[in-house]
Each structure stands twice: as structure tokens, then as C-alpha cells.
């Protein structure tokens, strides 16, 4: 019963880790990687006690290794490109001027 629960949890976490590792949200893949790895260790310990086959553990660990590799690869080689910052600075200045104009147009009632 415990073994089946951890097998299901391990597979779900490992698949989620692989999916997150290939998306731009690869930094979020670390949590499912840890959950899948711990589930795999628990399954391994239970399988050693019961002396059963460990084929499912191999699949879980394989997906964990793939997700971990992809996450580390994206963390090292991902470059964020900075575009033309002059346009952004110009927009900021325009927004600041607009905000000042709006604040100057507001009339406050001092009779409160």
C-alpha cells in the first residue's frame, strides 16, 4: 500500500519535473525533482525489505536525472537578452510627466 502510494507520487512528481524543466519556468522544477527523488528512495527501501523488483524506481530516477540535467543546463546557458533600454526610459519619463500633470489637475477641498 505504501509502496504503491510512493510509486504514484514519484511518477507524478517526476513527470511534472520534466515538464517544468523544458518550459521557461525551469527553476520551479527543483521542488518536484526533490519530491520524486525522495519518493524513489522510499520505494527503494521498501523494495529492499520486501525483496521485490525495482524497475519502477529506475524509471523515476531516470526522469529525475533528465529533469535535473535540463534544469542545470538552462540555468547555466540561459542568457537574458536586454533590448533597447532607451525606449523604456523614454516611456518612464512620459509616465512620470503624465502622473505629475494628473496630480496638478486634481483640486482638493480644504473644508474637511
C-alpha atoms as a PDB file:
ATOM      1  CA  UNK A   1       0.000   0.000   0.000  1.00  0.00           C
ATOM      2  CA  UNK A   2       2.742   2.455   0.964  1.00  0.00           C
ATOM      3  CA  UNK A   3       4.833   1.327  -1.982  1.00  0.00           C
ATOM      4  CA  UNK A   4       2.010   1.994  -4.463  1.00  0.00           C
ATOM      5  CA  UNK A   5       1.361   5.408  -2.937  1.00  0.00           C
ATOM      6  CA  UNK A   6       5.004   6.428  -3.287  1.00  0.00           C
ATOM      7  CA  UNK A   7       5.203   4.984  -6.811  1.00  0.00           C
ATOM      8  CA  UNK A   8       2.266   7.149  -7.889  1.00  0.00           C
ATOM      9  CA  UNK A   9       3.660  10.189  -6.075  1.00  0.00           C
ATOM     10  CA  UNK A  10       7.117   9.593  -7.559  1.00  0.00           C
ATOM     11  CA  UNK A  11       5.834   9.253 -11.120  1.00  0.00           C
ATOM     12  CA  UNK A  12       3.624  12.334 -10.884  1.00  0.00           C
ATOM     13  CA  UNK A  13       6.440  14.420  -9.395  1.00  0.00           C
ATOM     14  CA  UNK A  14       8.980  13.126 -11.942  1.00  0.00           C
ATOM     15  CA  UNK A  15       6.709  13.834 -14.913  1.00  0.00           C
ATOM     16  CA  UNK A  16       5.901  17.291 -13.535  1.00  0.00           C
ATOM     17  CA  UNK A  17       9.619  17.943 -13.051  1.00  0.00           C
ATOM     18  CA  UNK A  18      10.407  17.006 -16.656  1.00  0.00           C
ATOM     19  CA  UNK A  19       7.558  19.167 -17.961  1.00  0.00           C
ATOM     20  CA  UNK A  20       8.656  22.152 -15.891  1.00  0.00           C
ATOM     21  CA  UNK A  21      12.300  21.619 -16.858  1.00  0.00           C
ATOM     22  CA  UNK A  22      11.574  22.113 -20.565  1.00  0.00           C
ATOM     23  CA  UNK A  23       9.480  25.235 -20.061  1.00  0.00           C
ATOM     24  CA  UNK A  24      10.768  28.723 -19.280  1.00  0.00           C
ATOM     25  CA  UNK A  25       9.821  28.009 -15.651  1.00  0.00           C
ATOM     26  CA  UNK A  26      12.676  25.558 -15.261  1.00  0.00           C
ATOM     27  CA  UNK A  27      13.652  26.952 -11.860  1.00  0.00           C
ATOM     28  CA  UNK A  28      10.355  25.648 -10.460  1.00  0.00           C
ATOM     29  CA  UNK A  29      11.314  22.087 -11.435  1.00  0.00           C
ATOM     30  CA  UNK A  30      13.566  21.731  -8.400  1.00  0.00           C
ATOM     31  CA  UNK A  31      10.715  21.050  -5.945  1.00  0.00           C
ATOM     32  CA  UNK A  32       9.205  18.133  -7.946  1.00  0.00           C
ATOM     33  CA  UNK A  33      12.717  16.778  -8.519  1.00  0.00           C
ATOM     34  CA  UNK A  34      13.281  16.611  -4.770  1.00  0.00           C
ATOM     35  CA  UNK A  35       9.854  15.028  -4.149  1.00  0.00           C
ATOM     36  CA  UNK A  36      10.415  12.409  -6.858  1.00  0.00           C
ATOM     37  CA  UNK A  37      13.911  11.628  -5.578  1.00  0.00           C
ATOM     38  CA  UNK A  38      12.693  11.141  -2.003  1.00  0.00           C
ATOM     39  CA  UNK A  39       9.809   9.003  -3.247  1.00  0.00           C
ATOM     40  CA  UNK A  40      12.282   6.891  -5.209  1.00  0.00           C
ATOM     41  CA  UNK A  41      14.413   6.405  -2.106  1.00  0.00           C
ATOM     42  CA  UNK A  42      11.379   5.338  -0.059  1.00  0.00           C
ATOM     43  CA  UNK A  43      10.346   2.880  -2.783  1.00  0.00           C
ATOM     44  CA  UNK A  44      13.904   1.553  -2.861  1.00  0.00           C
ATOM     45  CA  UNK A  45      13.919   0.960   0.895  1.00  0.00           C
ATOM     46  CA  UNK A  46      10.507  -0.727   0.842  1.00  0.00           C
ATOM     47  CA  UNK A  47      11.553  -2.884  -2.127  1.00  0.00           C
ATOM     48  CA  UNK A  48      14.722  -3.975  -0.325  1.00  0.00           C
ATOM     49  CA  UNK A  49      12.659  -5.091   2.688  1.00  0.00           C
ATOM     50  CA  UNK A  50      10.120  -6.945   0.536  1.00  0.00           C
ATOM     51  CA  UNK A  51      12.776  -8.148  -1.937  1.00  0.00           C
ATOM     52  CA  UNK A  52      10.725  -7.142  -4.981  1.00  0.00           C
ATOM     53  CA  UNK A  53      11.660  -5.766  -8.396  1.00  0.00           C
ATOM     54  CA  UNK A  54      12.906  -2.205  -8.687  1.00  0.00           C
ATOM     55  CA  UNK A  55      12.008  -1.444 -12.312  1.00  0.00           C
ATOM     56  CA  UNK A  56       9.706   1.469 -11.401  1.00  0.00           C
ATOM     57  CA  UNK A  57      12.460   3.054  -9.321  1.00  0.00           C
ATOM     58  CA  UNK A  58      14.715   3.081 -12.368  1.00  0.00           C
ATOM     59  CA  UNK A  59      12.099   4.959 -14.396  1.00  0.00           C
ATOM     60  CA  UNK A  60      11.552   7.521 -11.645  1.00  0.00           C
ATOM     61  CA  UNK A  61      15.282   8.101 -11.186  1.00  0.00           C
ATOM     62  CA  UNK A  62      15.766   8.339 -14.969  1.00  0.00           C
ATOM     63  CA  UNK A  63      13.153  11.089 -15.224  1.00  0.00           C
ATOM     64  CA  UNK A  64      14.659  12.848 -12.200  1.00  0.00           C
ATOM     65  CA  UNK A  65      18.111  12.782 -13.818  1.00  0.00           C
ATOM     66  CA  UNK A  66      16.713  14.133 -17.112  1.00  0.00           C
ATOM     67  CA  UNK A  67      14.819  16.932 -15.350  1.00  0.00           C
ATOM     68  CA  UNK A  68      17.833  17.807 -13.212  1.00  0.00           C
ATOM     69  CA  UNK A  69      20.106  17.891 -16.257  1.00  0.00           C
ATOM     70  CA  UNK A  70      17.730  20.142 -18.187  1.00  0.00           C
ATOM     71  CA  UNK A  71      17.276  22.471 -15.216  1.00  0.00           C
ATOM     72  CA  UNK A  72      21.020  22.821 -14.661  1.00  0.00           C
ATOM     73  CA  UNK A  73      21.642  23.262 -18.391  1.00  0.00           C
ATOM     74  CA  UNK A  74      19.056  26.036 -18.666  1.00  0.00           C
ATOM     75  CA  UNK A  75      20.398  27.688 -15.531  1.00  0.00           C
ATOM     76  CA  UNK A  76      23.934  27.799 -16.880  1.00  0.00           C
ATOM     77  CA  UNK A  77      23.396  28.569 -20.545  1.00  0.00           C
ATOM     78  CA  UNK A  78      20.238  30.681 -20.481  1.00  0.00           C
ATOM     79  CA  UNK A  79      21.003  34.241 -21.428  1.00  0.00           C
ATOM     80  CA  UNK A  80      18.552  37.032 -20.984  1.00  0.00           C
ATOM     81  CA  UNK A  81      18.762  39.481 -23.821  1.00  0.00           C
ATOM     82  CA  UNK A  82      18.423  43.124 -22.979  1.00  0.00           C
ATOM     83  CA  UNK A  83      16.759  45.081 -25.715  1.00  0.00           C
ATOM     84  CA  UNK A  84      16.753  48.772 -26.425  1.00  0.00           C
ATOM     85  CA  UNK A  85      16.527  50.397 -23.000  1.00  0.00           C
ATOM     86  CA  UNK A  86      16.206  53.899 -24.410  1.00  0.00           C
ATOM     87  CA  UNK A  87      12.573  53.277 -25.304  1.00  0.00           C
ATOM     88  CA  UNK A  88      11.854  52.018 -21.799  1.00  0.00           C
ATOM     89  CA  UNK A  89      13.499  55.052 -20.229  1.00  0.00           C
ATOM     90  CA  UNK A  90      11.537  57.364 -22.507  1.00  0.00           C
ATOM     91  CA  UNK A  91       8.265  55.648 -21.523  1.00  0.00           C
ATOM     92  CA  UNK A  92       9.152  56.002 -17.854  1.00  0.00           C
ATOM     93  CA  UNK A  93       9.771  59.721 -18.289  1.00  0.00           C
ATOM     94  CA  UNK A  94       6.480  60.151 -20.166  1.00  0.00           C
ATOM     95  CA  UNK A  95       4.593  58.267 -17.463  1.00  0.00           C
ATOM     96  CA  UNK A  96       6.202  60.431 -14.801  1.00  0.00           C
ATOM     97  CA  UNK A  97       5.211  63.625 -16.631  1.00  0.00           C
ATOM     98  CA  UNK A  98       1.655  62.346 -17.124  1.00  0.00           C
ATOM     99  CA  UNK A  99       1.415  61.498 -13.448  1.00  0.00           C
ATOM    100  CA  UNK A 100       2.595  64.984 -12.482  1.00  0.00           C
ATOM    101  CA  UNK A 101       0.014  66.581 -14.772  1.00  0.00           C
ATOM    102  CA  UNK A 102      -2.769  64.459 -13.339  1.00  0.00           C
ATOM    103  CA  UNK A 103      -1.774  65.337  -9.790  1.00  0.00           C
ATOM    104  CA  UNK A 104      -1.628  69.049 -10.626  1.00  0.00           C
ATOM    105  CA  UNK A 105      -5.138  68.973 -12.134  1.00  0.00           C
ATOM    106  CA  UNK A 106      -6.688  67.461  -9.020  1.00  0.00           C
ATOM    107  CA  UNK A 107      -8.350  70.031  -6.797  1.00  0.00           C
ATOM    108  CA  UNK A 108      -8.531  69.296  -3.112  1.00  0.00           C
ATOM    109  CA  UNK A 109     -11.335  70.575  -0.930  1.00  0.00           C
ATOM    110  CA  UNK A 110      -9.749  72.054   2.187  1.00  0.00           C
ATOM    111  CA  UNK A 111     -13.012  72.410   4.118  1.00  0.00           C
ATOM    112  CA  UNK A 112     -12.807  68.921   5.542  1.00  0.00           C
END
